[in-house]
C-alpha atoms as a PDB file:
ATOM      1  CA  MET A   1       6.043 -11.859-100.971  1.00  0.00           C
ATOM      2  CA  LYS A   2       8.217  -9.585-103.046  1.00  0.00           C
ATOM      3  CA  ILE A   3       6.774  -8.235-106.307  1.00  0.00           C
ATOM      4  CA  VAL A   4       9.082  -7.033-109.063  1.00  0.00           C
ATOM      5  CA  LEU A   5       7.516  -5.233-112.021  1.00  0.00           C
ATOM      6  CA  SER A   6       9.085  -5.214-115.454  1.00  0.00           C
ATOM      7  CA  GLU A   7      10.505  -1.814-116.381  1.00  0.00           C
ATOM      8  CA  THR A   8       8.401  -1.853-119.566  1.00  0.00           C
ATOM      9  CA  LEU A   9       4.714  -2.566-119.055  1.00  0.00           C
ATOM     10  CA  SER A  10       1.391  -2.114-120.855  1.00  0.00           C
ATOM     11  CA  TYR A  11       1.032  -0.465-124.266  1.00  0.00           C
ATOM     12  CA  CYS A  12       3.907  -0.002-126.673  1.00  0.00           C
ATOM     13  CA  PHE A  13       4.156   3.179-128.738  1.00  0.00           C
ATOM     14  CA  GLY A  14       2.374   1.681-131.753  1.00  0.00           C
ATOM     15  CA  VAL A  15      -0.575   0.292-129.797  1.00  0.00           C
ATOM     16  CA  ARG A  16      -0.947   3.490-127.780  1.00  0.00           C
ATOM     17  CA  LYS A  17      -0.942   5.565-130.973  1.00  0.00           C
ATOM     18  CA  THR A  18      -3.594   3.340-132.562  1.00  0.00           C
ATOM     19  CA  LEU A  19      -5.856   3.427-129.518  1.00  0.00           C
ATOM     20  CA  GLU A  20      -5.533   7.191-129.094  1.00  0.00           C
ATOM     21  CA  LEU A  21      -6.431   7.681-132.757  1.00  0.00           C
ATOM     22  CA  THR A  22      -9.452   5.387-132.494  1.00  0.00           C
ATOM     23  CA  ASP A  23     -10.678   6.986-129.266  1.00  0.00           C
ATOM     24  CA  ARG A  24     -10.361  10.425-130.830  1.00  0.00           C
ATOM     25  CA  LEU A  25     -12.328   9.423-133.928  1.00  0.00           C
ATOM     26  CA  LEU A  26     -15.121   7.857-131.881  1.00  0.00           C
ATOM     27  CA  ALA A  27     -15.353  10.892-129.594  1.00  0.00           C
ATOM     28  CA  ASP A  28     -15.002  13.666-132.181  1.00  0.00           C
ATOM     29  CA  ARG A  29     -17.288  12.250-134.866  1.00  0.00           C
ATOM     30  CA  PRO A  30     -20.190  10.467-133.187  1.00  0.00           C
ATOM     31  CA  ASP A  31     -22.182  11.062-136.378  1.00  0.00           C
ATOM     32  CA  ARG A  32     -19.935   8.604-138.249  1.00  0.00           C
ATOM     33  CA  THR A  33     -19.899   4.832-137.903  1.00  0.00           C
ATOM     34  CA  TYR A  34     -16.432   3.306-137.693  1.00  0.00           C
ATOM     35  CA  TYR A  35     -15.595  -0.264-138.626  1.00  0.00           C
ATOM     36  CA  MET A  36     -12.547  -2.327-137.759  1.00  0.00           C
ATOM     37  CA  LEU A  37     -11.469  -5.308-139.843  1.00  0.00           C
ATOM     38  CA  GLY A  38     -10.730  -7.924-137.195  1.00  0.00           C
ATOM     39  CA  GLU A  39      -9.273  -6.939-133.831  1.00  0.00           C
ATOM     40  CA  ILE A  40      -7.626  -3.522-133.603  1.00  0.00           C
ATOM     41  CA  VAL A  41      -5.092  -5.087-131.221  1.00  0.00           C
ATOM     42  CA  HIS A  42      -4.860  -8.577-129.781  1.00  0.00           C
ATOM     43  CA  ASN A  43      -6.471  -7.987-126.421  1.00  0.00           C
ATOM     44  CA  GLU A  44     -10.099  -8.829-125.722  1.00  0.00           C
ATOM     45  CA  HIS A  45     -10.472  -6.228-122.962  1.00  0.00           C
ATOM     46  CA  VAL A  46      -9.366  -3.428-125.294  1.00  0.00           C
ATOM     47  CA  VAL A  47     -11.624  -4.600-128.123  1.00  0.00           C
ATOM     48  CA  GLU A  48     -14.685  -4.854-125.871  1.00  0.00           C
ATOM     49  CA  ALA A  49     -14.054  -1.365-124.451  1.00  0.00           C
ATOM     50  CA  LEU A  50     -13.926   0.126-127.959  1.00  0.00           C
ATOM     51  CA  LYS A  51     -17.047  -1.751-129.030  1.00  0.00           C
ATOM     52  CA  ALA A  52     -18.828  -0.217-126.041  1.00  0.00           C
ATOM     53  CA  LYS A  53     -17.847   3.207-127.406  1.00  0.00           C
ATOM     54  CA  GLY A  54     -19.372   2.431-130.801  1.00  0.00           C
ATOM     55  CA  LEU A  55     -16.643   0.717-132.827  1.00  0.00           C
ATOM     56  CA  ARG A  56     -18.020  -2.091-134.968  1.00  0.00           C
ATOM     57  CA  ILE A  57     -15.965  -5.188-135.730  1.00  0.00           C
ATOM     58  CA  VAL A  58     -16.343  -6.819-139.150  1.00  0.00           C
ATOM     59  CA  GLN A  59     -14.464  -9.594-140.919  1.00  0.00           C
ATOM     60  CA  THR A  60     -14.692  -8.428-144.549  1.00  0.00           C
ATOM     61  CA  LEU A  61     -15.142  -5.140-146.383  1.00  0.00           C
ATOM     62  CA  GLU A  62     -18.419  -6.502-147.729  1.00  0.00           C
ATOM     63  CA  ASP A  63     -19.790  -6.004-144.212  1.00  0.00           C
ATOM     64  CA  VAL A  64     -19.118  -2.245-144.340  1.00  0.00           C
ATOM     65  CA  PRO A  65     -22.090  -0.252-145.698  1.00  0.00           C
ATOM     66  CA  PRO A  66     -21.729   2.906-147.821  1.00  0.00           C
ATOM     67  CA  GLY A  67     -20.817   5.843-145.597  1.00  0.00           C
ATOM     68  CA  GLY A  68     -18.991   3.699-143.073  1.00  0.00           C
ATOM     69  CA  VAL A  69     -15.381   4.514-142.221  1.00  0.00           C
ATOM     70  CA  VAL A  70     -12.862   1.679-141.974  1.00  0.00           C
ATOM     71  CA  ILE A  71     -10.040   1.805-139.424  1.00  0.00           C
ATOM     72  CA  LEU A  72      -7.124  -0.336-140.575  1.00  0.00           C
ATOM     73  CA  GLN A  73      -5.604  -2.256-137.666  1.00  0.00           C
ATOM     74  CA  SER A  74      -2.161  -1.625-136.198  1.00  0.00           C
ATOM     75  CA  HIS A  75      -0.785  -4.907-137.596  1.00  0.00           C
ATOM     76  CA  GLY A  76      -0.838  -3.531-141.141  1.00  0.00           C
ATOM     77  CA  SER A  77      -2.710  -4.426-144.327  1.00  0.00           C
ATOM     78  CA  THR A  78      -1.955  -5.919-147.720  1.00  0.00           C
ATOM     79  CA  ARG A  79      -1.751  -3.858-150.901  1.00  0.00           C
ATOM     80  CA  LYS A  80      -4.765  -5.831-152.113  1.00  0.00           C
ATOM     81  CA  ARG A  81      -6.827  -4.492-149.212  1.00  0.00           C
ATOM     82  CA  TYR A  82      -5.953  -0.885-150.050  1.00  0.00           C
ATOM     83  CA  ARG A  83      -7.004  -1.499-153.658  1.00  0.00           C
ATOM     84  CA  GLU A  84     -10.269  -3.052-152.500  1.00  0.00           C
ATOM     85  CA  LEU A  85     -11.016  -0.064-150.266  1.00  0.00           C
ATOM     86  CA  GLU A  86     -10.501   2.285-153.184  1.00  0.00           C
ATOM     87  CA  ALA A  87     -12.547   0.111-155.548  1.00  0.00           C
ATOM     88  CA  ARG A  88     -15.462   0.148-153.107  1.00  0.00           C
ATOM     89  CA  GLY A  89     -15.128   3.876-152.541  1.00  0.00           C
ATOM     90  CA  LEU A  90     -14.790   3.411-148.795  1.00  0.00           C
ATOM     91  CA  GLU A  91     -13.215   6.050-146.593  1.00  0.00           C
ATOM     92  CA  TYR A  92     -10.532   4.658-144.308  1.00  0.00           C
ATOM     93  CA  VAL A  93      -8.128   5.681-141.559  1.00  0.00           C
ATOM     94  CA  ASP A  94      -4.789   3.882-141.559  1.00  0.00           C
ATOM     95  CA  ALA A  95      -3.743   2.998-137.994  1.00  0.00           C
ATOM     96  CA  THR A  96      -0.787   0.825-139.027  1.00  0.00           C
ATOM     97  CA  CYS A  97       2.030   0.862-136.465  1.00  0.00           C
ATOM     98  CA  PRO A  98       4.978   3.005-137.682  1.00  0.00           C
ATOM     99  CA  MET A  99       7.352   0.102-137.010  1.00  0.00           C
ATOM    100  CA  VAL A 100       5.268  -2.175-139.238  1.00  0.00           C
ATOM    101  CA  ARG A 101       5.336   0.440-142.001  1.00  0.00           C
ATOM    102  CA  ILE A 102       9.132   0.206-141.930  1.00  0.00           C
ATOM    103  CA  ILE A 103       8.928  -3.555-142.482  1.00  0.00           C
ATOM    104  CA  HIS A 104       6.643  -2.977-145.473  1.00  0.00           C
ATOM    105  CA  ASP A 105       9.210  -0.574-146.925  1.00  0.00           C
ATOM    106  CA  ARG A 106      12.053  -3.037-146.374  1.00  0.00           C
ATOM    107  CA  ILE A 107      10.381  -6.007-148.028  1.00  0.00           C
ATOM    108  CA  ARG A 108       9.417  -3.906-151.044  1.00  0.00           C
ATOM    109  CA  GLU A 109      13.070  -2.847-151.305  1.00  0.00           C
ATOM    110  CA  VAL A 110      14.103  -6.510-151.194  1.00  0.00           C
ATOM    111  CA  GLU A 111      11.776  -7.309-154.084  1.00  0.00           C
ATOM    112  CA  ALA A 112      12.973  -4.291-156.074  1.00  0.00           C
ATOM    113  CA  GLN A 113      16.569  -5.515-155.674  1.00  0.00           C
ATOM    114  CA  GLY A 114      15.661  -8.825-157.279  1.00  0.00           C
ATOM    115  CA  ARG A 115      16.167 -10.827-154.096  1.00  0.00           C
ATOM    116  CA  THR A 116      13.775 -13.478-152.830  1.00  0.00           C
ATOM    117  CA  PRO A 117      11.758 -11.937-149.964  1.00  0.00           C
ATOM    118  CA  VAL A 118      11.781 -14.006-146.772  1.00  0.00           C
ATOM    119  CA  VAL A 119       9.645 -13.247-143.717  1.00  0.00           C
ATOM    120  CA  ILE A 120      10.479 -14.648-140.297  1.00  0.00           C
ATOM    121  CA  GLY A 121       7.169 -14.875-138.507  1.00  0.00           C
ATOM    122  CA  GLN A 122       3.971 -16.726-137.750  1.00  0.00           C
ATOM    123  CA  VAL A 123       2.013 -17.844-140.802  1.00  0.00           C
ATOM    124  CA  GLY A 124      -1.548 -16.532-140.622  1.00  0.00           C
ATOM    125  CA  HIS A 125      -0.796 -13.680-138.218  1.00  0.00           C
ATOM    126  CA  GLU A 126      -2.275 -10.408-139.488  1.00  0.00           C
ATOM    127  CA  GLU A 127       1.074  -8.636-139.391  1.00  0.00           C
ATOM    128  CA  VAL A 128       2.765 -11.371-141.419  1.00  0.00           C
ATOM    129  CA  GLN A 129      -0.101 -11.396-143.913  1.00  0.00           C
ATOM    130  CA  GLY A 130       0.294  -7.647-144.332  1.00  0.00           C
ATOM    131  CA  ILE A 131       4.057  -7.954-144.858  1.00  0.00           C
ATOM    132  CA  VAL A 132       3.741 -10.768-147.392  1.00  0.00           C
ATOM    133  CA  GLY A 133       0.989  -8.807-149.113  1.00  0.00           C
ATOM    134  CA  GLN A 134       3.436  -6.041-150.030  1.00  0.00           C
ATOM    135  CA  VAL A 135       5.197  -8.228-152.615  1.00  0.00           C
ATOM    136  CA  ALA A 136       4.276 -10.694-155.349  1.00  0.00           C
ATOM    137  CA  ARG A 137       5.714 -13.690-153.483  1.00  0.00           C
ATOM    138  CA  ALA A 138       7.549 -14.347-150.229  1.00  0.00           C
ATOM    139  CA  LEU A 139       8.759 -17.301-148.197  1.00  0.00           C
ATOM    140  CA  VAL A 140       7.616 -17.445-144.560  1.00  0.00           C
ATOM    141  CA  VAL A 141       9.463 -19.399-141.855  1.00  0.00           C
ATOM    142  CA  LYS A 142       8.821 -19.590-138.120  1.00  0.00           C
ATOM    143  CA  THR A 143      11.501 -22.008-136.901  1.00  0.00           C
ATOM    144  CA  PRO A 144      15.012 -23.067-137.957  1.00  0.00           C
ATOM    145  CA  ASP A 145      13.639 -26.514-138.848  1.00  0.00           C
ATOM    146  CA  GLU A 146      11.431 -24.917-141.509  1.00  0.00           C
ATOM    147  CA  VAL A 147      14.529 -23.645-143.324  1.00  0.00           C
ATOM    148  CA  THR A 148      15.038 -26.610-145.657  1.00  0.00           C
ATOM    149  CA  PRO A 149      16.882 -27.157-148.957  1.00  0.00           C
ATOM    150  CA  GLU A 150      13.527 -27.932-150.541  1.00  0.00           C
ATOM    151  CA  LEU A 151      11.981 -24.611-149.499  1.00  0.00           C
ATOM    152  CA  PHE A 152      15.007 -22.610-150.637  1.00  0.00           C
ATOM    153  CA  GLU A 153      15.692 -24.609-153.787  1.00  0.00           C
ATOM    154  CA  GLY A 154      16.905 -22.302-156.545  1.00  0.00           C
ATOM    155  CA  VAL A 155      17.216 -19.265-154.250  1.00  0.00           C
ATOM    156  CA  ARG A 156      20.572 -17.567-154.886  1.00  0.00           C
ATOM    157  CA  SER A 157      19.968 -14.284-153.063  1.00  0.00           C
ATOM    158  CA  ALA A 158      17.501 -13.440-150.317  1.00  0.00           C
ATOM    159  CA  GLY A 159      16.415 -10.460-148.284  1.00  0.00           C
ATOM    160  CA  VAL A 160      15.083 -11.326-144.843  1.00  0.00           C
ATOM    161  CA  VAL A 161      12.768  -9.313-142.586  1.00  0.00           C
ATOM    162  CA  ALA A 162      11.157 -10.326-139.295  1.00  0.00           C
ATOM    163  CA  GLN A 163       7.765  -9.912-137.711  1.00  0.00           C
ATOM    164  CA  SER A 164       8.102  -6.928-135.377  1.00  0.00           C
ATOM    165  CA  THR A 165       7.391  -8.965-132.227  1.00  0.00           C
ATOM    166  CA  PHE A 166       9.456 -12.060-133.043  1.00  0.00           C
ATOM    167  CA  ILE A 167      11.900 -13.507-130.507  1.00  0.00           C
ATOM    168  CA  GLU A 168      15.307 -11.975-131.218  1.00  0.00           C
ATOM    169  CA  GLU A 169      17.414 -15.077-130.562  1.00  0.00           C
ATOM    170  CA  ASP A 170      15.106 -17.310-132.612  1.00  0.00           C
ATOM    171  CA  ALA A 171      15.354 -14.921-135.566  1.00  0.00           C
ATOM    172  CA  ARG A 172      19.155 -15.014-135.355  1.00  0.00           C
ATOM    173  CA  ARG A 173      19.174 -18.822-135.516  1.00  0.00           C
ATOM    174  CA  ILE A 174      16.823 -18.822-138.503  1.00  0.00           C
ATOM    175  CA  VAL A 175      19.029 -16.363-140.391  1.00  0.00           C
ATOM    176  CA  GLU A 176      22.063 -18.568-139.708  1.00  0.00           C
ATOM    177  CA  ARG A 177      20.246 -21.538-141.255  1.00  0.00           C
ATOM    178  CA  ILE A 178      19.256 -19.494-144.297  1.00  0.00           C
ATOM    179  CA  ARG A 179      22.862 -18.348-144.787  1.00  0.00           C
ATOM    180  CA  ALA A 180      23.956 -21.984-144.778  1.00  0.00           C
ATOM    181  CA  LEU A 181      21.728 -22.598-147.812  1.00  0.00           C
ATOM    182  CA  VAL A 182      21.717 -19.306-149.721  1.00  0.00           C
ATOM    183  CA  PRO A 183      24.962 -17.723-151.020  1.00  0.00           C
ATOM    184  CA  ASP A 184      23.818 -14.096-150.724  1.00  0.00           C
ATOM    185  CA  VAL A 185      21.642 -13.109-147.758  1.00  0.00           C
ATOM    186  CA  VAL A 186      20.811  -9.657-146.420  1.00  0.00           C
ATOM    187  CA  PHE A 187      19.029  -9.548-143.061  1.00  0.00           C
ATOM    188  CA  HIS A 188      17.004  -6.471-142.136  1.00  0.00           C
ATOM    189  CA  ASP A 189      16.519  -6.690-138.371  1.00  0.00           C
ATOM    190  CA  THR A 190      12.965  -5.373-138.174  1.00  0.00           C
ATOM    191  CA  ILE A 191      12.150  -6.630-134.684  1.00  0.00           C
ATOM    192  CA  CYS A 192      11.151  -3.402-132.985  1.00  0.00           C
ATOM    193  CA  GLN A 193      13.340  -2.074-130.186  1.00  0.00           C
ATOM    194  CA  PRO A 194      10.571  -2.018-127.546  1.00  0.00           C
ATOM    195  CA  THR A 195       9.992  -5.721-128.244  1.00  0.00           C
ATOM    196  CA  LYS A 196      13.687  -6.480-127.753  1.00  0.00           C
ATOM    197  CA  ILE A 197      13.725  -4.495-124.517  1.00  0.00           C
ATOM    198  CA  ARG A 198      10.737  -6.400-123.119  1.00  0.00           C
ATOM    199  CA  GLN A 199      12.265  -9.739-124.058  1.00  0.00           C
ATOM    200  CA  ARG A 200      15.596  -8.892-122.422  1.00  0.00           C
ATOM    201  CA  GLU A 201      13.887  -7.653-119.266  1.00  0.00           C
ATOM    202  CA  VAL A 202      11.956 -10.909-119.036  1.00  0.00           C
ATOM    203  CA  GLU A 203      15.142 -12.951-119.457  1.00  0.00           C
ATOM    204  CA  VAL A 204      16.975 -11.034-116.716  1.00  0.00           C
ATOM    205  CA  HIS A 205      14.193 -10.848-114.127  1.00  0.00           C
ATOM    206  CA  THR A 206      12.891 -14.379-114.690  1.00  0.00           C
ATOM    207  CA  ARG A 207      16.266 -15.791-113.634  1.00  0.00           C
ATOM    208  CA  ARG A 208      16.007 -13.912-110.337  1.00  0.00           C
ATOM    209  CA  ALA A 209      12.361 -14.683-109.578  1.00  0.00           C
ATOM    210  CA  ASP A 210      10.695 -17.663-107.929  1.00  0.00           C
ATOM    211  CA  TRP A 211       7.460 -17.140-109.850  1.00  0.00           C
ATOM    212  CA  VAL A 212       6.613 -15.262-113.049  1.00  0.00           C
ATOM    213  CA  ILE A 213       3.269 -13.858-114.170  1.00  0.00           C
ATOM    214  CA  VAL A 214       2.835 -12.648-117.752  1.00  0.00           C
ATOM    215  CA  ILE A 215      -0.332 -10.606-118.266  1.00  0.00           C
ATOM    216  CA  GLY A 216      -1.881 -10.563-121.724  1.00  0.00           C
ATOM    217  CA  SER A 217      -3.931 -12.380-124.327  1.00  0.00           C
ATOM    218  CA  ARG A 218      -3.080 -15.795-125.756  1.00  0.00           C
ATOM    219  CA  HIS A 219      -3.976 -14.291-129.148  1.00  0.00           C
ATOM    220  CA  SER A 220      -1.156 -11.743-128.818  1.00  0.00           C
ATOM    221  CA  ALA A 221       2.065 -12.861-130.517  1.00  0.00           C
ATOM    222  CA  ASN A 222       4.309 -10.622-128.415  1.00  0.00           C
ATOM    223  CA  THR A 223       2.654 -11.769-125.181  1.00  0.00           C
ATOM    224  CA  MET A 224       3.108 -15.423-126.099  1.00  0.00           C
ATOM    225  CA  HIS A 225       6.755 -14.804-126.984  1.00  0.00           C
ATOM    226  CA  LEU A 226       7.350 -13.277-123.537  1.00  0.00           C
ATOM    227  CA  PHE A 227       5.562 -16.194-121.903  1.00  0.00           C
ATOM    228  CA  ASN A 228       7.599 -18.757-123.852  1.00  0.00           C
ATOM    229  CA  ILE A 229      10.883 -17.004-123.029  1.00  0.00           C
ATOM    230  CA  ALA A 230      10.031 -16.954-119.325  1.00  0.00           C
ATOM    231  CA  ARG A 231       8.656 -20.501-119.295  1.00  0.00           C
ATOM    232  CA  GLY A 232      11.852 -21.757-120.909  1.00  0.00           C
ATOM    233  CA  ILE A 233      13.805 -20.337-117.966  1.00  0.00           C
ATOM    234  CA  ASN A 234      11.373 -20.841-115.099  1.00  0.00           C
ATOM    235  CA  PRO A 235       8.660 -23.544-115.143  1.00  0.00           C
ATOM    236  CA  ARG A 236       6.730 -21.575-112.497  1.00  0.00           C
ATOM    237  CA  THR A 237       5.597 -19.116-115.168  1.00  0.00           C
ATOM    238  CA  HIS A 238       1.905 -18.350-115.593  1.00  0.00           C
ATOM    239  CA  LEU A 239       0.003 -16.527-118.336  1.00  0.00           C
ATOM    240  CA  ILE A 240      -3.188 -14.754-117.295  1.00  0.00           C
ATOM    241  CA  ASP A 241      -5.533 -12.527-119.274  1.00  0.00           C
ATOM    242  CA  LYS A 242      -7.771 -11.362-116.446  1.00  0.00           C
ATOM    243  CA  PRO A 243      -6.880 -10.236-112.903  1.00  0.00           C
ATOM    244  CA  GLU A 244      -9.042 -12.777-111.092  1.00  0.00           C
ATOM    245  CA  SER A 245      -6.977 -15.607-112.590  1.00  0.00           C
ATOM    246  CA  VAL A 246      -4.105 -14.682-110.267  1.00  0.00           C
ATOM    247  CA  GLU A 247      -6.195 -16.034-107.386  1.00  0.00           C
ATOM    248  CA  ASP A 248      -5.754 -19.535-108.823  1.00  0.00           C
ATOM    249  CA  ILE A 249      -1.949 -19.378-108.546  1.00  0.00           C
ATOM    250  CA  ALA A 250      -0.681 -20.745-105.221  1.00  0.00           C
ATOM    251  CA  ILE A 251       2.313 -18.504-104.569  1.00  0.00           C
ATOM    252  CA  PRO A 252       4.168 -18.930-101.248  1.00  0.00           C
ATOM    253  CA  ALA A 253       4.289 -15.872 -98.998  1.00  0.00           C
ATOM    254  CA  GLU A 254       8.102 -15.743 -99.103  1.00  0.00           C
ATOM    255  CA  ALA A 255       8.325 -15.915-102.927  1.00  0.00           C
ATOM    256  CA  THR A 256       9.692 -13.285-105.316  1.00  0.00           C
ATOM    257  CA  VAL A 257       7.190 -12.714-108.131  1.00  0.00           C
ATOM    258  CA  PHE A 258       8.134 -11.043-111.405  1.00  0.00           C
ATOM    259  CA  ILE A 259       5.332  -9.463-113.452  1.00  0.00           C
ATOM    260  CA  ALA A 260       5.558  -8.707-117.180  1.00  0.00           C
ATOM    261  CA  SER A 261       2.933  -7.799-119.760  1.00  0.00           C
ATOM    262  CA  GLY A 262       2.311  -7.830-123.473  1.00  0.00           C
ATOM    263  CA  ALA A 263       2.374  -4.652-125.549  1.00  0.00           C
ATOM    264  CA  SER A 264      -1.421  -4.557-125.841  1.00  0.00           C
ATOM    265  CA  THR A 265      -2.249  -5.180-122.178  1.00  0.00           C
ATOM    266  CA  PRO A 266      -4.185  -2.314-120.524  1.00  0.00           C
ATOM    267  CA  GLY A 267      -2.453  -0.743-117.548  1.00  0.00           C
ATOM    268  CA  GLU A 268      -5.530  -1.121-115.368  1.00  0.00           C
ATOM    269  CA  LEU A 269      -5.325  -4.916-115.659  1.00  0.00           C
ATOM    270  CA  ILE A 270      -1.743  -4.856-114.420  1.00  0.00           C
ATOM    271  CA  VAL A 271      -2.669  -2.571-111.530  1.00  0.00           C
ATOM    272  CA  GLU A 272      -5.489  -4.899-110.515  1.00  0.00           C
ATOM    273  CA  VAL A 273      -3.238  -7.974-110.589  1.00  0.00           C
ATOM    274  CA  VAL A 274      -0.756  -6.190-108.320  1.00  0.00           C
ATOM    275  CA  ARG A 275      -3.584  -5.081-106.024  1.00  0.00           C
ATOM    276  CA  ARG A 276      -4.773  -8.649-105.641  1.00  0.00           C
ATOM    277  CA  LEU A 277      -1.263  -9.831-104.831  1.00  0.00           C
ATOM    278  CA  GLU A 278      -0.849  -6.985-102.359  1.00  0.00           C
ATOM    279  CA  ALA A 279      -4.008  -8.221-100.681  1.00  0.00           C
ATOM    280  CA  ARG A 280      -1.957 -11.261 -99.706  1.00  0.00           C
ATOM    281  CA  ASP A 281       0.156  -8.906 -97.571  1.00  0.00           C
ATOM    282  CA  ALA A 282       2.543  -8.307-100.490  1.00  0.00           C
ATOM    283  CA  ALA A 283       4.327  -5.031-101.153  1.00  0.00           C
ATOM    284  CA  PRO A 284       5.726  -4.199-104.631  1.00  0.00           C
ATOM    285  CA  ASP A 285       9.484  -3.696-104.721  1.00  0.00           C
ATOM    286  CA  ARG A 286      10.147  -0.878-107.202  1.00  0.00           C
ATOM    287  CA  LYS A 287      13.908  -0.842-106.822  1.00  0.00           C
ATOM    288  CA  ASP A 288      14.383  -3.608-109.397  1.00  0.00           C
ATOM    289  CA  GLY A 289      11.475  -2.642-111.625  1.00  0.00           C
ATOM    290  CA  ALA A 290       9.147   0.243-112.326  1.00  0.00           C
ATOM    291  CA  ALA A 291       5.535   0.584-113.358  1.00  0.00           C
END
């Protein structure tokens, strides 16, 4: 068995920054109680590890008592949430990813220009909610088929942004459909560069591999995008969120296996998956990929 690792694995810059900040707060101020609204990142292993260190997960600000400190998740927050924090007098630490902050700036610029804001992304995802929550009103589309004359009726000019982890090629097709309906369209390509790099690596290596393993959570948008890209190329693509799941995949000894991961997947999970494959007398080939 030949194992090829994606050149880009584990945490992206934004996730790493958020986790380092949270770890530092929990370690430096054990006298304070920190609360996270929802999951800090979309990976159950990461969330459980932080809860073990004292981080408390809540679903609403009503669950945060006086004196508690709120950590705002990396996916970003709505303007309404910031106002609610201030109205309740709650102290907070903003862990929003820098790339997501750029998207917030862009969509506010679109609104200020008098254009109709359009977000390419997954309805209901925290990042998309945060982006939409920067403006009074925005249209959200996830697929080209959702770009209909009815949805864009009366729209003469539009400014389009994308969820930071969206699939690059899918976003391009959606923008083309919008341009067919709207006379004046400006597209701000806000898919972050690390996301594009991961997606391109998956496309290249999946075509060369016999089997593909994507490590990450099903709740992670960027992980699912990588999985869907790979699965569209190679049907022998598997998504696992814990190392022991690799034991259920019957991979022939002579196969080439490509391993990729989501941007919120801990490095130790990847190492353990490789270790388990190596136990089948496999040896990682690091000429085509790096840890």
